[in-house]
Amino acid sequence: MLNDPQTILAYIDPGSGGLLLQFLIAAAIGVCIAFRQGLRAIALVTGLNAIASENHQAA
């Protein structure tokens, strides 16, 4: 069984799985925050201050 090249044994213990899940959630939140900040910077540069000021007041 272990010598068979078609057999793949994979196991993720709960600690590693929890760490992986935490990393994925933090990465998703980080991408959302970076995207929002980027949109705010673009709005300020292009003169769309209504959008930028509205987002700034909401934050």
PDB file of N, CA and C in Angstrom:
ATOM      1  N   MET A   1       0.821  -1.198   0.000  1.00  0.00           N
ATOM      2  CA  MET A   1       0.000   0.000   0.000  1.00  0.00           C
ATOM      3  C   MET A   1       0.862   1.259   0.000  1.00  0.00           C
ATOM      4  N   LEU A   2       1.860   1.352   0.850  1.00  0.00           N
ATOM      5  CA  LEU A   2       2.688   2.548   0.903  1.00  0.00           C
ATOM      6  C   LEU A   2       3.638   2.656  -0.285  1.00  0.00           C
ATOM      7  N   ASN A   3       3.926   1.521  -0.936  1.00  0.00           N
ATOM      8  CA  ASN A   3       4.804   1.548  -2.093  1.00  0.00           C
ATOM      9  C   ASN A   3       4.064   1.874  -3.381  1.00  0.00           C
ATOM     10  N   ASP A   4       2.765   1.920  -3.319  1.00  0.00           N
ATOM     11  CA  ASP A   4       1.953   2.216  -4.493  1.00  0.00           C
ATOM     12  C   ASP A   4       2.033   3.713  -4.801  1.00  0.00           C
ATOM     13  N   PRO A   5       2.498   4.122  -5.997  1.00  0.00           N
ATOM     14  CA  PRO A   5       2.618   5.551  -6.310  1.00  0.00           C
ATOM     15  C   PRO A   5       1.264   6.256  -6.417  1.00  0.00           C
ATOM     16  N   GLN A   6       0.184   5.516  -6.569  1.00  0.00           N
ATOM     17  CA  GLN A   6      -1.142   6.122  -6.676  1.00  0.00           C
ATOM     18  C   GLN A   6      -1.751   6.458  -5.313  1.00  0.00           C
ATOM     19  N   THR A   7      -1.168   5.935  -4.234  1.00  0.00           N
ATOM     20  CA  THR A   7      -1.697   6.163  -2.905  1.00  0.00           C
ATOM     21  C   THR A   7      -1.144   7.474  -2.349  1.00  0.00           C
ATOM     22  N   ILE A   8      -2.034   8.356  -1.986  1.00  0.00           N
ATOM     23  CA  ILE A   8      -1.635   9.629  -1.391  1.00  0.00           C
ATOM     24  C   ILE A   8      -2.252   9.685   0.003  1.00  0.00           C
ATOM     25  N   LEU A   9      -1.411   9.799   1.003  1.00  0.00           N
ATOM     26  CA  LEU A   9      -1.877   9.894   2.375  1.00  0.00           C
ATOM     27  C   LEU A   9      -1.726  11.335   2.839  1.00  0.00           C
ATOM     28  N   ALA A  10      -2.824  11.980   3.141  1.00  0.00           N
ATOM     29  CA  ALA A  10      -2.797  13.366   3.581  1.00  0.00           C
ATOM     30  C   ALA A  10      -3.584  13.478   4.881  1.00  0.00           C
ATOM     31  N   TYR A  11      -3.039  14.253   5.800  1.00  0.00           N
ATOM     32  CA  TYR A  11      -3.699  14.462   7.075  1.00  0.00           C
ATOM     33  C   TYR A  11      -3.351  15.850   7.583  1.00  0.00           C
ATOM     34  N   ILE A  12      -4.346  16.587   7.985  1.00  0.00           N
ATOM     35  CA  ILE A  12      -4.129  17.894   8.608  1.00  0.00           C
ATOM     36  C   ILE A  12      -4.714  17.801  10.007  1.00  0.00           C
ATOM     37  N   ASP A  13      -3.859  17.953  11.016  1.00  0.00           N
ATOM     38  CA  ASP A  13      -4.361  17.875  12.383  1.00  0.00           C
ATOM     39  C   ASP A  13      -5.135  19.157  12.713  1.00  0.00           C
ATOM     40  N   PRO A  14      -5.963  19.142  13.746  1.00  0.00           N
ATOM     41  CA  PRO A  14      -6.808  20.292  14.063  1.00  0.00           C
ATOM     42  C   PRO A  14      -6.028  21.587  14.317  1.00  0.00           C
ATOM     43  N   GLY A  15      -4.848  21.492  14.919  1.00  0.00           N
ATOM     44  CA  GLY A  15      -4.061  22.705  15.164  1.00  0.00           C
ATOM     45  C   GLY A  15      -3.613  23.361  13.871  1.00  0.00           C
ATOM     46  N   SER A  16      -3.127  22.563  12.935  1.00  0.00           N
ATOM     47  CA  SER A  16      -2.700  23.100  11.638  1.00  0.00           C
ATOM     48  C   SER A  16      -3.887  23.601  10.845  1.00  0.00           C
ATOM     49  N   GLY A  17      -4.992  22.893  10.912  1.00  0.00           N
ATOM     50  CA  GLY A  17      -6.189  23.325  10.200  1.00  0.00           C
ATOM     51  C   GLY A  17      -6.710  24.649  10.739  1.00  0.00           C
ATOM     52  N   GLY A  18      -6.687  24.804  12.050  1.00  0.00           N
ATOM     53  CA  GLY A  18      -7.124  26.062  12.655  1.00  0.00           C
ATOM     54  C   GLY A  18      -6.217  27.219  12.281  1.00  0.00           C
ATOM     55  N   LEU A  19      -4.924  26.955  12.241  1.00  0.00           N
ATOM     56  CA  LEU A  19      -3.967  27.988  11.844  1.00  0.00           C
ATOM     57  C   LEU A  19      -4.176  28.378  10.388  1.00  0.00           C
ATOM     58  N   LEU A  20      -4.402  27.404   9.539  1.00  0.00           N
ATOM     59  CA  LEU A  20      -4.659  27.675   8.126  1.00  0.00           C
ATOM     60  C   LEU A  20      -5.946  28.481   7.957  1.00  0.00           C
ATOM     61  N   LEU A  21      -6.990  28.109   8.681  1.00  0.00           N
ATOM     62  CA  LEU A  21      -8.254  28.841   8.607  1.00  0.00           C
ATOM     63  C   LEU A  21      -8.081  30.281   9.086  1.00  0.00           C
ATOM     64  N   GLN A  22      -7.350  30.480  10.180  1.00  0.00           N
ATOM     65  CA  GLN A  22      -7.099  31.823  10.690  1.00  0.00           C
ATOM     66  C   GLN A  22      -6.330  32.653   9.677  1.00  0.00           C
ATOM     67  N   PHE A  23      -5.350  32.046   9.020  1.00  0.00           N
ATOM     68  CA  PHE A  23      -4.579  32.751   8.003  1.00  0.00           C
ATOM     69  C   PHE A  23      -5.461  33.169   6.835  1.00  0.00           C
ATOM     70  N   LEU A  24      -6.325  32.280   6.375  1.00  0.00           N
ATOM     71  CA  LEU A  24      -7.192  32.596   5.238  1.00  0.00           C
ATOM     72  C   LEU A  24      -8.183  33.710   5.573  1.00  0.00           C
ATOM     73  N   ILE A  25      -8.740  33.676   6.778  1.00  0.00           N
ATOM     74  CA  ILE A  25      -9.680  34.727   7.190  1.00  0.00           C
ATOM     75  C   ILE A  25      -8.959  36.068   7.299  1.00  0.00           C
ATOM     76  N   ALA A  26      -7.774  36.078   7.920  1.00  0.00           N
ATOM     77  CA  ALA A  26      -7.015  37.321   8.059  1.00  0.00           C
ATOM     78  C   ALA A  26      -6.601  37.867   6.697  1.00  0.00           C
ATOM     79  N   ALA A  27      -6.232  36.998   5.777  1.00  0.00           N
ATOM     80  CA  ALA A  27      -5.845  37.443   4.441  1.00  0.00           C
ATOM     81  C   ALA A  27      -7.038  38.056   3.711  1.00  0.00           C
ATOM     82  N   ALA A  28      -8.207  37.457   3.835  1.00  0.00           N
ATOM     83  CA  ALA A  28      -9.405  37.992   3.184  1.00  0.00           C
ATOM     84  C   ALA A  28      -9.769  39.358   3.751  1.00  0.00           C
ATOM     85  N   ILE A  29      -9.691  39.515   5.062  1.00  0.00           N
ATOM     86  CA  ILE A  29      -9.986  40.809   5.679  1.00  0.00           C
ATOM     87  C   ILE A  29      -8.957  41.850   5.250  1.00  0.00           C
ATOM     88  N   GLY A  30      -7.696  41.454   5.187  1.00  0.00           N
ATOM     89  CA  GLY A  30      -6.641  42.368   4.753  1.00  0.00           C
ATOM     90  C   GLY A  30      -6.835  42.833   3.323  1.00  0.00           C
ATOM     91  N   VAL A  31      -7.254  41.931   2.449  1.00  0.00           N
ATOM     92  CA  VAL A  31      -7.504  42.309   1.059  1.00  0.00           C
ATOM     93  C   VAL A  31      -8.673  43.291   0.983  1.00  0.00           C
ATOM     94  N   CYS A  32      -9.715  43.058   1.762  1.00  0.00           N
ATOM     95  CA  CYS A  32     -10.864  43.981   1.767  1.00  0.00           C
ATOM     96  C   CYS A  32     -10.463  45.374   2.239  1.00  0.00           C
ATOM     97  N   ILE A  33      -9.679  45.441   3.290  1.00  0.00           N
ATOM     98  CA  ILE A  33      -9.243  46.745   3.809  1.00  0.00           C
ATOM     99  C   ILE A  33      -8.334  47.447   2.812  1.00  0.00           C
ATOM    100  N   ALA A  34      -7.414  46.717   2.209  1.00  0.00           N
ATOM    101  CA  ALA A  34      -6.514  47.323   1.213  1.00  0.00           C
ATOM    102  C   ALA A  34      -7.303  47.821   0.009  1.00  0.00           C
ATOM    103  N   PHE A  35      -8.295  47.065  -0.424  1.00  0.00           N
ATOM    104  CA  PHE A  35      -9.129  47.480  -1.558  1.00  0.00           C
ATOM    105  C   PHE A  35      -9.890  48.760  -1.222  1.00  0.00           C
ATOM    106  N   ARG A  36     -10.439  48.825  -0.019  1.00  0.00           N
ATOM    107  CA  ARG A  36     -11.181  50.027   0.385  1.00  0.00           C
ATOM    108  C   ARG A  36     -10.271  51.239   0.449  1.00  0.00           C
ATOM    109  N   GLN A  37      -9.064  51.059   0.993  1.00  0.00           N
ATOM    110  CA  GLN A  37      -8.123  52.168   1.068  1.00  0.00           C
ATOM    111  C   GLN A  37      -7.686  52.606  -0.326  1.00  0.00           C
ATOM    112  N   GLY A  38      -7.507  51.646  -1.214  1.00  0.00           N
ATOM    113  CA  GLY A  38      -7.142  51.982  -2.589  1.00  0.00           C
ATOM    114  C   GLY A  38      -8.227  52.769  -3.292  1.00  0.00           C
ATOM    115  N   LEU A  39      -9.471  52.362  -3.109  1.00  0.00           N
ATOM    116  CA  LEU A  39     -10.578  53.113  -3.707  1.00  0.00           C
ATOM    117  C   LEU A  39     -10.662  54.526  -3.140  1.00  0.00           C
ATOM    118  N   ARG A  40     -10.418  54.657  -1.858  1.00  0.00           N
ATOM    119  CA  ARG A  40     -10.451  55.980  -1.237  1.00  0.00           C
ATOM    120  C   ARG A  40      -9.340  56.867  -1.802  1.00  0.00           C
ATOM    121  N   ALA A  41      -8.151  56.313  -1.995  1.00  0.00           N
ATOM    122  CA  ALA A  41      -7.034  57.082  -2.550  1.00  0.00           C
ATOM    123  C   ALA A  41      -7.326  57.489  -3.989  1.00  0.00           C
ATOM    124  N   ILE A  42      -7.897  56.589  -4.766  1.00  0.00           N
ATOM    125  CA  ILE A  42      -8.242  56.913  -6.153  1.00  0.00           C
ATOM    126  C   ILE A  42      -9.302  58.003  -6.185  1.00  0.00           C
ATOM    127  N   ALA A  43     -10.274  57.932  -5.287  1.00  0.00           N
ATOM    128  CA  ALA A  43     -11.329  58.952  -5.242  1.00  0.00           C
ATOM    129  C   ALA A  43     -10.749  60.316  -4.897  1.00  0.00           C
ATOM    130  N   LEU A  44      -9.787  60.352  -4.000  1.00  0.00           N
ATOM    131  CA  LEU A  44      -9.180  61.633  -3.646  1.00  0.00           C
ATOM    132  C   LEU A  44      -8.362  62.199  -4.800  1.00  0.00           C
ATOM    133  N   VAL A  45      -7.636  61.353  -5.505  1.00  0.00           N
ATOM    134  CA  VAL A  45      -6.793  61.813  -6.610  1.00  0.00           C
ATOM    135  C   VAL A  45      -7.643  62.279  -7.785  1.00  0.00           C
ATOM    136  N   THR A  46      -8.715  61.575  -8.073  1.00  0.00           N
ATOM    137  CA  THR A  46      -9.536  61.915  -9.237  1.00  0.00           C
ATOM    138  C   THR A  46     -10.548  63.017  -8.945  1.00  0.00           C
ATOM    139  N   GLY A  47     -10.653  63.428  -7.715  1.00  0.00           N
ATOM    140  CA  GLY A  47     -11.562  64.521  -7.386  1.00  0.00           C
ATOM    141  C   GLY A  47     -12.957  64.081  -7.015  1.00  0.00           C
ATOM    142  N   LEU A  48     -13.160  62.830  -6.791  1.00  0.00           N
ATOM    143  CA  LEU A  48     -14.464  62.342  -6.356  1.00  0.00           C
ATOM    144  C   LEU A  48     -14.533  62.434  -4.833  1.00  0.00           C
ATOM    145  N   ASN A  49     -14.442  63.635  -4.330  1.00  0.00           N
ATOM    146  CA  ASN A  49     -14.377  63.849  -2.892  1.00  0.00           C
ATOM    147  C   ASN A  49     -15.660  63.465  -2.180  1.00  0.00           C
ATOM    148  N   ALA A  50     -16.782  63.473  -2.875  1.00  0.00           N
ATOM    149  CA  ALA A  50     -18.042  63.084  -2.232  1.00  0.00           C
ATOM    150  C   ALA A  50     -17.966  61.630  -1.777  1.00  0.00           C
ATOM    151  N   ILE A  51     -17.411  60.788  -2.628  1.00  0.00           N
ATOM    152  CA  ILE A  51     -17.271  59.380  -2.258  1.00  0.00           C
ATOM    153  C   ILE A  51     -16.249  59.225  -1.146  1.00  0.00           C
ATOM    154  N   ALA A  52     -15.131  59.901  -1.271  1.00  0.00           N
ATOM    155  CA  ALA A  52     -14.070  59.773  -0.283  1.00  0.00           C
ATOM    156  C   ALA A  52     -14.505  60.312   1.078  1.00  0.00           C
ATOM    157  N   SER A  53     -15.177  61.470   1.097  1.00  0.00           N
ATOM    158  CA  SER A  53     -15.589  62.052   2.369  1.00  0.00           C
ATOM    159  C   SER A  53     -16.713  61.224   3.001  1.00  0.00           C
ATOM    160  N   GLU A  54     -17.588  60.658   2.174  1.00  0.00           N
ATOM    161  CA  GLU A  54     -18.652  59.817   2.706  1.00  0.00           C
ATOM    162  C   GLU A  54     -18.068  58.570   3.373  1.00  0.00           C
ATOM    163  N   ASN A  55     -17.089  57.958   2.737  1.00  0.00           N
ATOM    164  CA  ASN A  55     -16.447  56.789   3.324  1.00  0.00           C
ATOM    165  C   ASN A  55     -15.656  57.173   4.563  1.00  0.00           C
ATOM    166  N   HIS A  56     -15.053  58.328   4.556  1.00  0.00           N
ATOM    167  CA  HIS A  56     -14.261  58.748   5.713  1.00  0.00           C
ATOM    168  C   HIS A  56     -15.163  59.011   6.914  1.00  0.00           C
ATOM    169  N   GLN A  57     -16.326  59.596   6.714  1.00  0.00           N
ATOM    170  CA  GLN A  57     -17.230  59.866   7.814  1.00  0.00           C
ATOM    171  C   GLN A  57     -17.824  58.579   8.360  1.00  0.00           C
ATOM    172  N   ALA A  58     -18.042  57.577   7.508  1.00  0.00           N
ATOM    173  CA  ALA A  58     -18.620  56.324   7.941  1.00  0.00           C
ATOM    174  C   ALA A  58     -17.635  55.499   8.741  1.00  0.00           C
ATOM    175  N   ALA A  59     -16.349  55.686   8.502  1.00  0.00           N
ATOM    176  CA  ALA A  59     -15.320  54.873   9.185  1.00  0.00           C
ATOM    177  C   ALA A  59     -15.063  55.318  10.561  1.00  0.00           C
TER     178      ALA A  59
END
